[in-house]
Amino acid sequence: MVASFFRSRWQGKTPLVRLFWRDMLLVGTAINIALSGLALVLLGLKLPLWLVLTVHFLPVPYNIFLTLAVWRTVEKTGGAKASLMMLGSALWLIATAVG
């Protein structure tokens, strides 16, 4: 099930609208917020900095995957709306990496 989730997105079989809005912006952002919150709690508990940073940056590979999946799907889809989603995914990736 997990493998099919990643495979369908990587191969561009997931509709772009679902991939961008639900998978990336909604779920991806929720994961980032949750792990950043957990990292702040760990920091407040004075746990080692390496652990705090690991938890904070844990979703980065997933974020990169989602962004590249959007780009690959845009290549198959085309159009102005798809190009805006490509730009939006790049800005989202920057925002999640900085935040």
Protein backbone atom coordinates (compact mmCIF):
# COMPACT_ATOMS: atom_id res chain seq x y z
CA MET A 1 0.00 0.00 0.00
CA VAL A 2 2.76 2.46 0.92
CA ALA A 3 4.78 1.46 -2.14
CA SER A 4 1.77 2.01 -4.42
CA PHE A 5 1.24 5.45 -2.87
CA PHE A 6 4.77 6.52 -3.75
CA ARG A 7 4.81 4.73 -7.11
CA SER A 8 1.57 6.32 -8.35
CA ARG A 9 2.78 9.78 -7.45
CA TRP A 10 6.25 9.29 -8.89
CA GLN A 11 4.85 7.91 -12.14
CA GLY A 12 2.38 10.78 -12.51
CA LYS A 13 -0.67 8.54 -12.16
CA THR A 14 -2.17 10.59 -9.32
CA PRO A 15 -4.27 13.55 -10.49
CA LEU A 16 -2.26 16.76 -10.22
CA VAL A 17 -4.98 18.54 -8.25
CA ARG A 18 -5.01 15.80 -5.58
CA LEU A 19 -1.23 15.62 -5.48
CA PHE A 20 -0.79 19.37 -5.11
CA TRP A 21 -3.68 20.37 -2.85
CA ARG A 22 -4.25 17.32 -0.67
CA ASP A 23 -0.96 15.43 -0.57
CA MET A 24 1.43 18.35 -0.61
CA LEU A 25 -0.30 21.42 0.80
CA LEU A 26 -2.69 19.79 3.26
CA VAL A 27 -1.01 16.57 4.44
CA GLY A 28 2.59 17.65 3.80
CA THR A 29 2.12 20.92 5.65
CA ALA A 30 0.38 19.15 8.55
CA ILE A 31 3.31 16.73 8.85
CA ASN A 32 5.78 19.63 8.82
CA ILE A 33 3.86 21.55 11.48
CA ALA A 34 3.50 18.45 13.69
CA LEU A 35 7.20 17.58 13.55
CA SER A 36 8.27 21.20 14.05
CA GLY A 37 6.01 21.34 17.11
CA LEU A 38 7.48 18.11 18.41
CA ALA A 39 10.98 19.49 17.83
CA LEU A 40 10.08 22.56 19.91
CA VAL A 41 8.80 20.33 22.71
CA LEU A 42 12.03 18.32 22.60
CA LEU A 43 14.01 21.56 22.68
CA GLY A 44 11.98 22.69 25.69
CA LEU A 45 12.81 19.41 27.40
CA LYS A 46 16.48 20.22 26.82
CA LEU A 47 17.09 17.08 24.81
CA PRO A 48 20.20 16.93 22.63
CA LEU A 49 20.26 19.41 19.76
CA TRP A 50 21.04 16.66 17.23
CA LEU A 51 17.75 14.95 18.17
CA VAL A 52 15.76 18.19 17.94
CA LEU A 53 17.22 18.97 14.50
CA THR A 54 16.68 15.41 13.30
CA VAL A 55 13.00 15.55 14.20
CA HIS A 56 12.62 19.02 12.69
CA PHE A 57 14.23 18.06 9.38
CA LEU A 58 12.77 14.54 9.20
CA PRO A 59 10.10 15.45 6.61
CA VAL A 60 12.57 17.07 4.17
CA PRO A 61 13.04 13.96 1.99
CA TYR A 62 9.26 13.55 1.80
CA ASN A 63 8.88 17.22 0.91
CA ILE A 64 11.44 16.85 -1.88
CA PHE A 65 9.65 13.74 -3.11
CA LEU A 66 6.30 15.54 -3.24
CA THR A 67 7.78 18.53 -5.05
CA LEU A 68 9.47 16.34 -7.66
CA ALA A 69 6.29 14.29 -8.05
CA VAL A 70 4.36 17.49 -8.77
CA TRP A 71 6.97 18.54 -11.34
CA ARG A 72 6.90 15.13 -13.04
CA THR A 73 3.09 15.20 -13.17
CA VAL A 74 3.10 18.76 -14.53
CA GLU A 75 5.35 17.59 -17.38
CA LYS A 76 2.66 15.08 -18.36
CA THR A 77 -0.25 17.44 -17.78
CA GLY A 78 0.92 20.79 -19.14
CA GLY A 79 -1.03 24.03 -19.14
CA ALA A 80 -0.94 27.32 -17.27
CA LYS A 81 -2.64 25.93 -14.13
CA ALA A 82 -0.12 23.11 -13.99
CA SER A 83 2.76 25.57 -14.36
CA LEU A 84 1.41 27.58 -11.44
CA MET A 85 1.28 24.39 -9.37
CA MET A 86 4.90 23.72 -10.28
CA LEU A 87 5.86 27.19 -9.07
CA GLY A 88 3.71 26.77 -5.96
CA SER A 89 5.37 23.47 -5.13
CA ALA A 90 8.82 25.05 -5.40
CA LEU A 91 7.79 27.89 -3.10
CA TRP A 92 6.22 25.40 -0.69
CA LEU A 93 9.44 23.39 -0.59
CA ILE A 94 11.46 26.53 0.18
CA ALA A 95 8.98 27.56 2.88
CA THR A 96 9.08 24.15 4.55
CA ALA A 97 12.87 23.96 4.40
CA VAL A 98 13.28 27.42 5.94
CA GLY A 99 10.43 27.14 8.43
